[in-house]
Amino acid sequence: MSAVIAKEDIPLYKIVPAFVDNTERWKKELEYAVRLGNEYKGKTHIIFETTQGPKEVETTVWSLTDGYLQLKGGMLIPLHSIIDIHF
């Protein structure tokens, strides 16, 4: 079970790699999240691993790089820390 947090609170947590790196598995979903955020202003639920356990944010995804998701407001989540995403 993940705790829902505000995207502004992401810097309060130390993000760590997920037990399994699902970066390749999530590739199409991550690309869709960027399109959803940029074209439709839609939000994505992202669950990621921290030293305090899984955390979840509901936010707009602005961009995708080889290593990070950039969220609205300039927050970054490392791809290797993502546990799950849903729309």
PDB file of N, CA and C in Angstrom:
ATOM      1  N   MET A   1       0.842  -1.179   0.000  1.00  0.00           N
ATOM      2  CA  MET A   1       0.000   0.000   0.000  1.00  0.00           C
ATOM      3  C   MET A   1       0.887   1.242   0.000  1.00  0.00           C
ATOM      4  N   SER A   2       0.554   2.198  -0.827  1.00  0.00           N
ATOM      5  CA  SER A   2       1.348   3.418  -0.907  1.00  0.00           C
ATOM      6  C   SER A   2       0.599   4.578  -0.267  1.00  0.00           C
ATOM      7  N   ALA A   3       1.356   5.500   0.300  1.00  0.00           N
ATOM      8  CA  ALA A   3       0.785   6.713   0.881  1.00  0.00           C
ATOM      9  C   ALA A   3       0.732   7.787  -0.193  1.00  0.00           C
ATOM     10  N   VAL A   4      -0.408   8.456  -0.315  1.00  0.00           N
ATOM     11  CA  VAL A   4      -0.565   9.526  -1.295  1.00  0.00           C
ATOM     12  C   VAL A   4       0.030  10.805  -0.710  1.00  0.00           C
ATOM     13  N   ILE A   5       0.874  11.451  -1.518  1.00  0.00           N
ATOM     14  CA  ILE A   5       1.491  12.708  -1.109  1.00  0.00           C
ATOM     15  C   ILE A   5       1.287  13.755  -2.206  1.00  0.00           C
ATOM     16  N   ALA A   6       1.444  15.015  -1.852  1.00  0.00           N
ATOM     17  CA  ALA A   6       1.399  16.103  -2.837  1.00  0.00           C
ATOM     18  C   ALA A   6       2.728  16.135  -3.590  1.00  0.00           C
ATOM     19  N   LYS A   7       2.681  16.497  -4.851  1.00  0.00           N
ATOM     20  CA  LYS A   7       3.928  16.527  -5.635  1.00  0.00           C
ATOM     21  C   LYS A   7       4.937  17.497  -5.043  1.00  0.00           C
ATOM     22  N   GLU A   8       4.456  18.537  -4.378  1.00  0.00           N
ATOM     23  CA  GLU A   8       5.350  19.499  -3.745  1.00  0.00           C
ATOM     24  C   GLU A   8       6.135  18.888  -2.587  1.00  0.00           C
ATOM     25  N   ASP A   9       5.642  17.762  -2.066  1.00  0.00           N
ATOM     26  CA  ASP A   9       6.307  17.086  -0.949  1.00  0.00           C
ATOM     27  C   ASP A   9       7.354  16.065  -1.398  1.00  0.00           C
ATOM     28  N   ILE A  10       7.488  15.826  -2.681  1.00  0.00           N
ATOM     29  CA  ILE A  10       8.458  14.842  -3.181  1.00  0.00           C
ATOM     30  C   ILE A  10       9.869  15.110  -2.646  1.00  0.00           C
ATOM     31  N   PRO A  11      10.345  16.360  -2.614  1.00  0.00           N
ATOM     32  CA  PRO A  11      11.704  16.602  -2.109  1.00  0.00           C
ATOM     33  C   PRO A  11      11.907  16.227  -0.635  1.00  0.00           C
ATOM     34  N   LEU A  12      10.834  16.009   0.102  1.00  0.00           N
ATOM     35  CA  LEU A  12      10.946  15.630   1.509  1.00  0.00           C
ATOM     36  C   LEU A  12      11.347  14.160   1.688  1.00  0.00           C
ATOM     37  N   TYR A  13      11.308  13.391   0.607  1.00  0.00           N
ATOM     38  CA  TYR A  13      11.589  11.960   0.667  1.00  0.00           C
ATOM     39  C   TYR A  13      12.841  11.617  -0.132  1.00  0.00           C
ATOM     40  N   LYS A  14      13.571  10.631   0.346  1.00  0.00           N
ATOM     41  CA  LYS A  14      14.716  10.128  -0.405  1.00  0.00           C
ATOM     42  C   LYS A  14      14.216   9.022  -1.324  1.00  0.00           C
ATOM     43  N   ILE A  15      14.261   9.282  -2.621  1.00  0.00           N
ATOM     44  CA  ILE A  15      13.794   8.311  -3.607  1.00  0.00           C
ATOM     45  C   ILE A  15      14.898   7.291  -3.851  1.00  0.00           C
ATOM     46  N   VAL A  16      14.520   6.016  -3.836  1.00  0.00           N
ATOM     47  CA  VAL A  16      15.471   4.926  -4.027  1.00  0.00           C
ATOM     48  C   VAL A  16      14.975   4.017  -5.152  1.00  0.00           C
ATOM     49  N   PRO A  17      15.863   3.186  -5.707  1.00  0.00           N
ATOM     50  CA  PRO A  17      15.427   2.260  -6.766  1.00  0.00           C
ATOM     51  C   PRO A  17      14.361   1.290  -6.263  1.00  0.00           C
ATOM     52  N   ALA A  18      13.427   0.975  -7.136  1.00  0.00           N
ATOM     53  CA  ALA A  18      12.418  -0.035  -6.829  1.00  0.00           C
ATOM     54  C   ALA A  18      13.090  -1.396  -6.774  1.00  0.00           C
ATOM     55  N   PHE A  19      12.423  -2.350  -6.144  1.00  0.00           N
ATOM     56  CA  PHE A  19      12.965  -3.699  -6.032  1.00  0.00           C
ATOM     57  C   PHE A  19      13.285  -4.271  -7.413  1.00  0.00           C
ATOM     58  N   VAL A  20      12.417  -3.978  -8.397  1.00  0.00           N
ATOM     59  CA  VAL A  20      12.622  -4.400  -9.782  1.00  0.00           C
ATOM     60  C   VAL A  20      12.583  -3.157 -10.656  1.00  0.00           C
ATOM     61  N   ASP A  21      13.585  -2.991 -11.514  1.00  0.00           N
ATOM     62  CA  ASP A  21      13.613  -1.856 -12.441  1.00  0.00           C
ATOM     63  C   ASP A  21      12.680  -2.160 -13.611  1.00  0.00           C
ATOM     64  N   ASN A  22      11.549  -1.463 -13.665  1.00  0.00           N
ATOM     65  CA  ASN A  22      10.549  -1.679 -14.706  1.00  0.00           C
ATOM     66  C   ASN A  22      10.591  -0.622 -15.801  1.00  0.00           C
ATOM     67  N   THR A  23      11.709   0.072 -15.932  1.00  0.00           N
ATOM     68  CA  THR A  23      11.805   1.173 -16.885  1.00  0.00           C
ATOM     69  C   THR A  23      11.370   0.754 -18.286  1.00  0.00           C
ATOM     70  N   GLU A  24      11.880  -0.358 -18.781  1.00  0.00           N
ATOM     71  CA  GLU A  24      11.509  -0.810 -20.128  1.00  0.00           C
ATOM     72  C   GLU A  24      10.047  -1.229 -20.194  1.00  0.00           C
ATOM     73  N   ARG A  25       9.574  -1.840 -19.135  1.00  0.00           N
ATOM     74  CA  ARG A  25       8.180  -2.297 -19.088  1.00  0.00           C
ATOM     75  C   ARG A  25       7.215  -1.125 -19.173  1.00  0.00           C
ATOM     76  N   TRP A  26       7.572  -0.001 -18.552  1.00  0.00           N
ATOM     77  CA  TRP A  26       6.688   1.157 -18.486  1.00  0.00           C
ATOM     78  C   TRP A  26       6.853   2.110 -19.657  1.00  0.00           C
ATOM     79  N   LYS A  27       7.747   1.838 -20.586  1.00  0.00           N
ATOM     80  CA  LYS A  27       8.082   2.798 -21.646  1.00  0.00           C
ATOM     81  C   LYS A  27       6.846   3.363 -22.365  1.00  0.00           C
ATOM     82  N   LYS A  28       5.973   2.517 -22.864  1.00  0.00           N
ATOM     83  CA  LYS A  28       4.796   3.008 -23.598  1.00  0.00           C
ATOM     84  C   LYS A  28       3.849   3.792 -22.682  1.00  0.00           C
ATOM     85  N   GLU A  29       3.676   3.321 -21.450  1.00  0.00           N
ATOM     86  CA  GLU A  29       2.811   4.025 -20.511  1.00  0.00           C
ATOM     87  C   GLU A  29       3.395   5.391 -20.149  1.00  0.00           C
ATOM     88  N   LEU A  30       4.711   5.463 -19.990  1.00  0.00           N
ATOM     89  CA  LEU A  30       5.350   6.742 -19.666  1.00  0.00           C
ATOM     90  C   LEU A  30       5.209   7.724 -20.821  1.00  0.00           C
ATOM     91  N   GLU A  31       5.368   7.241 -22.042  1.00  0.00           N
ATOM     92  CA  GLU A  31       5.188   8.109 -23.205  1.00  0.00           C
ATOM     93  C   GLU A  31       3.741   8.606 -23.290  1.00  0.00           C
ATOM     94  N   TYR A  32       2.795   7.721 -22.972  1.00  0.00           N
ATOM     95  CA  TYR A  32       1.396   8.125 -22.962  1.00  0.00           C
ATOM     96  C   TYR A  32       1.144   9.165 -21.871  1.00  0.00           C
ATOM     97  N   ALA A  33       1.763   9.002 -20.705  1.00  0.00           N
ATOM     98  CA  ALA A  33       1.597   9.956 -19.602  1.00  0.00           C
ATOM     99  C   ALA A  33       2.046  11.353 -20.025  1.00  0.00           C
ATOM    100  N   VAL A  34       3.138  11.435 -20.779  1.00  0.00           N
ATOM    101  CA  VAL A  34       3.622  12.733 -21.280  1.00  0.00           C
ATOM    102  C   VAL A  34       2.589  13.333 -22.235  1.00  0.00           C
ATOM    103  N   ARG A  35       2.080  12.509 -23.135  1.00  0.00           N
ATOM    104  CA  ARG A  35       1.080  12.998 -24.091  1.00  0.00           C
ATOM    105  C   ARG A  35      -0.191  13.439 -23.357  1.00  0.00           C
ATOM    106  N   LEU A  36      -0.619  12.639 -22.407  1.00  0.00           N
ATOM    107  CA  LEU A  36      -1.802  12.972 -21.613  1.00  0.00           C
ATOM    108  C   LEU A  36      -1.622  14.310 -20.906  1.00  0.00           C
ATOM    109  N   GLY A  37      -0.451  14.545 -20.342  1.00  0.00           N
ATOM    110  CA  GLY A  37      -0.184  15.787 -19.628  1.00  0.00           C
ATOM    111  C   GLY A  37      -0.070  16.992 -20.529  1.00  0.00           C
ATOM    112  N   ASN A  38       0.617  16.833 -21.644  1.00  0.00           N
ATOM    113  CA  ASN A  38       0.866  17.971 -22.530  1.00  0.00           C
ATOM    114  C   ASN A  38      -0.316  18.317 -23.427  1.00  0.00           C
ATOM    115  N   GLU A  39      -0.996  17.312 -23.961  1.00  0.00           N
ATOM    116  CA  GLU A  39      -2.081  17.583 -24.904  1.00  0.00           C
ATOM    117  C   GLU A  39      -3.437  17.743 -24.231  1.00  0.00           C
ATOM    118  N   TYR A  40      -3.663  16.997 -23.156  1.00  0.00           N
ATOM    119  CA  TYR A  40      -4.985  16.979 -22.541  1.00  0.00           C
ATOM    120  C   TYR A  40      -5.005  17.499 -21.101  1.00  0.00           C
ATOM    121  N   LYS A  41      -3.829  17.864 -20.575  1.00  0.00           N
ATOM    122  CA  LYS A  41      -3.696  18.341 -19.189  1.00  0.00           C
ATOM    123  C   LYS A  41      -4.213  17.308 -18.182  1.00  0.00           C
ATOM    124  N   GLY A  42      -4.165  16.029 -18.604  1.00  0.00           N
ATOM    125  CA  GLY A  42      -4.610  14.945 -17.741  1.00  0.00           C
ATOM    126  C   GLY A  42      -3.545  14.549 -16.738  1.00  0.00           C
ATOM    127  N   LYS A  43      -3.994  13.965 -15.635  1.00  0.00           N
ATOM    128  CA  LYS A  43      -3.076  13.578 -14.565  1.00  0.00           C
ATOM    129  C   LYS A  43      -2.831  12.072 -14.574  1.00  0.00           C
ATOM    130  N   THR A  44      -1.673  11.715 -14.056  1.00  0.00           N
ATOM    131  CA  THR A  44      -1.246  10.330 -13.950  1.00  0.00           C
ATOM    132  C   THR A  44      -0.942  10.025 -12.484  1.00  0.00           C
ATOM    133  N   HIS A  45      -1.297   8.838 -12.045  1.00  0.00           N
ATOM    134  CA  HIS A  45      -0.933   8.371 -10.704  1.00  0.00           C
ATOM    135  C   HIS A  45       0.389   7.630 -10.827  1.00  0.00           C
ATOM    136  N   ILE A  46       1.383   8.043 -10.072  1.00  0.00           N
ATOM    137  CA  ILE A  46       2.712   7.438 -10.125  1.00  0.00           C
ATOM    138  C   ILE A  46       3.064   6.954  -8.720  1.00  0.00           C
ATOM    139  N   ILE A  47       3.384   5.675  -8.614  1.00  0.00           N
ATOM    140  CA  ILE A  47       3.827   5.110  -7.337  1.00  0.00           C
ATOM    141  C   ILE A  47       5.323   4.854  -7.462  1.00  0.00           C
ATOM    142  N   PHE A  48       6.077   5.379  -6.509  1.00  0.00           N
ATOM    143  CA  PHE A  48       7.534   5.249  -6.557  1.00  0.00           C
ATOM    144  C   PHE A  48       8.060   4.879  -5.179  1.00  0.00           C
ATOM    145  N   GLU A  49       9.267   4.326  -5.162  1.00  0.00           N
ATOM    146  CA  GLU A  49       9.872   3.828  -3.919  1.00  0.00           C
ATOM    147  C   GLU A  49      10.695   4.904  -3.235  1.00  0.00           C
ATOM    148  N   THR A  50      10.550   4.981  -1.906  1.00  0.00           N
ATOM    149  CA  THR A  50      11.370   5.876  -1.090  1.00  0.00           C
ATOM    150  C   THR A  50      11.911   5.071   0.095  1.00  0.00           C
ATOM    151  N   THR A  51      12.803   5.680   0.850  1.00  0.00           N
ATOM    152  CA  THR A  51      13.327   5.009   2.042  1.00  0.00           C
ATOM    153  C   THR A  51      12.239   4.832   3.104  1.00  0.00           C
ATOM    154  N   GLN A  52      11.142   5.560   2.966  1.00  0.00           N
ATOM    155  CA  GLN A  52      10.027   5.448   3.910  1.00  0.00           C
ATOM    156  C   GLN A  52       8.873   4.634   3.340  1.00  0.00           C
ATOM    157  N   GLY A  53       9.155   3.866   2.291  1.00  0.00           N
ATOM    158  CA  GLY A  53       8.125   3.045   1.665  1.00  0.00           C
ATOM    159  C   GLY A  53       7.555   3.698   0.425  1.00  0.00           C
ATOM    160  N   PRO A  54       6.678   2.986  -0.274  1.00  0.00           N
ATOM    161  CA  PRO A  54       6.097   3.507  -1.517  1.00  0.00           C
ATOM    162  C   PRO A  54       5.268   4.764  -1.275  1.00  0.00           C
ATOM    163  N   LYS A  55       5.396   5.718  -2.184  1.00  0.00           N
ATOM    164  CA  LYS A  55       4.616   6.955  -2.152  1.00  0.00           C
ATOM    165  C   LYS A  55       3.921   7.100  -3.501  1.00  0.00           C
ATOM    166  N   GLU A  56       2.772   7.759  -3.487  1.00  0.00           N
ATOM    167  CA  GLU A  56       2.000   7.956  -4.716  1.00  0.00           C
ATOM    168  C   GLU A  56       1.680   9.427  -4.894  1.00  0.00           C
ATOM    169  N   VAL A  57       1.817   9.908  -6.115  1.00  0.00           N
ATOM    170  CA  VAL A  57       1.406  11.272  -6.466  1.00  0.00           C
ATOM    171  C   VAL A  57       0.462  11.201  -7.655  1.00  0.00           C
ATOM    172  N   GLU A  58      -0.462  12.145  -7.698  1.00  0.00           N
ATOM    173  CA  GLU A  58      -1.330  12.319  -8.855  1.00  0.00           C
ATOM    174  C   GLU A  58      -0.960  13.664  -9.443  1.00  0.00           C
ATOM    175  N   THR A  59      -0.414  13.649 -10.641  1.00  0.00           N
ATOM    176  CA  THR A  59       0.139  14.879 -11.191  1.00  0.00           C
ATOM    177  C   THR A  59       0.197  14.828 -12.708  1.00  0.00           C
ATOM    178  N   THR A  60       0.537  15.954 -13.294  1.00  0.00           N
ATOM    179  CA  THR A  60       0.747  16.062 -14.733  1.00  0.00           C
ATOM    180  C   THR A  60       2.210  15.778 -15.044  1.00  0.00           C
ATOM    181  N   VAL A  61       2.441  14.900 -16.016  1.00  0.00           N
ATOM    182  CA  VAL A  61       3.797  14.575 -16.451  1.00  0.00           C
ATOM    183  C   VAL A  61       4.135  15.480 -17.628  1.00  0.00           C
ATOM    184  N   TRP A  62       5.260  16.221 -17.504  1.00  0.00           N
ATOM    185  CA  TRP A  62       5.641  17.165 -18.558  1.00  0.00           C
ATOM    186  C   TRP A  62       6.591  16.569 -19.578  1.00  0.00           C
ATOM    187  N   SER A  63       7.561  15.776 -19.104  1.00  0.00           N
ATOM    188  CA  SER A  63       8.520  15.228 -20.062  1.00  0.00           C
ATOM    189  C   SER A  63       9.122  13.934 -19.538  1.00  0.00           C
ATOM    190  N   LEU A  64       9.771  13.231 -20.460  1.00  0.00           N
ATOM    191  CA  LEU A  64      10.408  11.953 -20.179  1.00  0.00           C
ATOM    192  C   LEU A  64      11.815  11.990 -20.754  1.00  0.00           C
ATOM    193  N   THR A  65      12.810  11.648 -19.928  1.00  0.00           N
ATOM    194  CA  THR A  65      14.183  11.528 -20.414  1.00  0.00           C
ATOM    195  C   THR A  65      14.605  10.073 -20.266  1.00  0.00           C
ATOM    196  N   ASP A  66      15.855   9.783 -20.541  1.00  0.00           N
ATOM    197  CA  ASP A  66      16.350   8.412 -20.378  1.00  0.00           C
ATOM    198  C   ASP A  66      16.324   7.969 -18.923  1.00  0.00           C
ATOM    199  N   GLY A  67      16.345   8.913 -17.994  1.00  0.00           N
ATOM    200  CA  GLY A  67      16.425   8.536 -16.593  1.00  0.00           C
ATOM    201  C   GLY A  67      15.349   9.068 -15.670  1.00  0.00           C
ATOM    202  N   TYR A  68      14.552  10.046 -16.143  1.00  0.00           N
ATOM    203  CA  TYR A  68      13.612  10.713 -15.234  1.00  0.00           C
ATOM    204  C   TYR A  68      12.283  11.041 -15.900  1.00  0.00           C
ATOM    205  N   LEU A  69      11.253  11.149 -15.042  1.00  0.00           N
ATOM    206  CA  LEU A  69       9.999  11.790 -15.410  1.00  0.00           C
ATOM    207  C   LEU A  69      10.055  13.191 -14.831  1.00  0.00           C
ATOM    208  N   GLN A  70       9.748  14.190 -15.625  1.00  0.00           N
ATOM    209  CA  GLN A  70       9.643  15.543 -15.099  1.00  0.00           C
ATOM    210  C   GLN A  70       8.165  15.859 -14.938  1.00  0.00           C
ATOM    211  N   LEU A  71       7.803  16.273 -13.741  1.00  0.00           N
ATOM    212  CA  LEU A  71       6.420  16.580 -13.424  1.00  0.00           C
ATOM    213  C   LEU A  71       6.174  18.072 -13.482  1.00  0.00           C
ATOM    214  N   LYS A  72       4.918  18.431 -13.534  1.00  0.00           N
ATOM    215  CA  LYS A  72       4.539  19.839 -13.455  1.00  0.00           C
ATOM    216  C   LYS A  72       5.155  20.420 -12.187  1.00  0.00           C
ATOM    217  N   GLY A  73       5.742  21.573 -12.279  1.00  0.00           N
ATOM    218  CA  GLY A  73       6.401  22.197 -11.140  1.00  0.00           C
ATOM    219  C   GLY A  73       7.877  21.884 -11.054  1.00  0.00           C
ATOM    220  N   GLY A  74       8.409  21.130 -12.045  1.00  0.00           N
ATOM    221  CA  GLY A  74       9.842  20.857 -12.086  1.00  0.00           C
ATOM    222  C   GLY A  74      10.316  19.700 -11.232  1.00  0.00           C
ATOM    223  N   MET A  75       9.425  18.951 -10.607  1.00  0.00           N
ATOM    224  CA  MET A  75       9.825  17.795  -9.802  1.00  0.00           C
ATOM    225  C   MET A  75      10.290  16.670 -10.716  1.00  0.00           C
ATOM    226  N   LEU A  76      11.286  15.917 -10.246  1.00  0.00           N
ATOM    227  CA  LEU A  76      11.808  14.788 -11.019  1.00  0.00           C
ATOM    228  C   LEU A  76      11.643  13.487 -10.241  1.00  0.00           C
ATOM    229  N   ILE A  77      11.256  12.433 -10.944  1.00  0.00           N
ATOM    230  CA  ILE A  77      11.190  11.094 -10.357  1.00  0.00           C
ATOM    231  C   ILE A  77      12.058  10.184 -11.220  1.00  0.00           C
ATOM    232  N   PRO A  78      13.062   9.532 -10.627  1.00  0.00           N
ATOM    233  CA  PRO A  78      13.898   8.609 -11.404  1.00  0.00           C
ATOM    234  C   PRO A  78      13.064   7.442 -11.917  1.00  0.00           C
ATOM    235  N   LEU A  79      13.278   7.068 -13.162  1.00  0.00           N
ATOM    236  CA  LEU A  79      12.508   5.979 -13.754  1.00  0.00           C
ATOM    237  C   LEU A  79      12.698   4.665 -13.010  1.00  0.00           C
ATOM    238  N   HIS A  80      13.927   4.411 -12.526  1.00  0.00           N
ATOM    239  CA  HIS A  80      14.193   3.134 -11.865  1.00  0.00           C
ATOM    240  C   HIS A  80      13.509   3.012 -10.506  1.00  0.00           C
ATOM    241  N   SER A  81      12.887   4.088 -10.020  1.00  0.00           N
ATOM    242  CA  SER A  81      12.191   4.042  -8.732  1.00  0.00           C
ATOM    243  C   SER A  81      10.688   3.812  -8.886  1.00  0.00           C
ATOM    244  N   ILE A  82      10.185   3.815 -10.115  1.00  0.00           N
ATOM    245  CA  ILE A  82       8.738   3.692 -10.345  1.00  0.00           C
ATOM    246  C   ILE A  82       8.280   2.248 -10.132  1.00  0.00           C
ATOM    247  N   ILE A  83       7.266   2.110  -9.295  1.00  0.00           N
ATOM    248  CA  ILE A  83       6.684   0.809  -9.005  1.00  0.00           C
ATOM    249  C   ILE A  83       5.485   0.550  -9.881  1.00  0.00           C
ATOM    250  N   ASP A  84       4.647   1.596 -10.072  1.00  0.00           N
ATOM    251  CA  ASP A  84       3.424   1.434 -10.857  1.00  0.00           C
ATOM    252  C   ASP A  84       2.973   2.800 -11.352  1.00  0.00           C
ATOM    253  N   ILE A  85       2.254   2.787 -12.458  1.00  0.00           N
ATOM    254  CA  ILE A  85       1.609   4.008 -12.965  1.00  0.00           C
ATOM    255  C   ILE A  85       0.220   3.632 -13.456  1.00  0.00           C
ATOM    256  N   HIS A  86      -0.718   4.537 -13.300  1.00  0.00           N
ATOM    257  CA  HIS A  86      -2.043   4.340 -13.878  1.00  0.00           C
ATOM    258  C   HIS A  86      -2.683   5.698 -14.140  1.00  0.00           C
ATOM    259  N   PHE A  87      -3.657   5.658 -14.997  1.00  0.00           N
ATOM    260  CA  PHE A  87      -4.276   6.900 -15.504  1.00  0.00           C
ATOM    261  C   PHE A  87      -5.694   7.033 -14.993  1.00  0.00           C
TER     262      PHE A  87
END
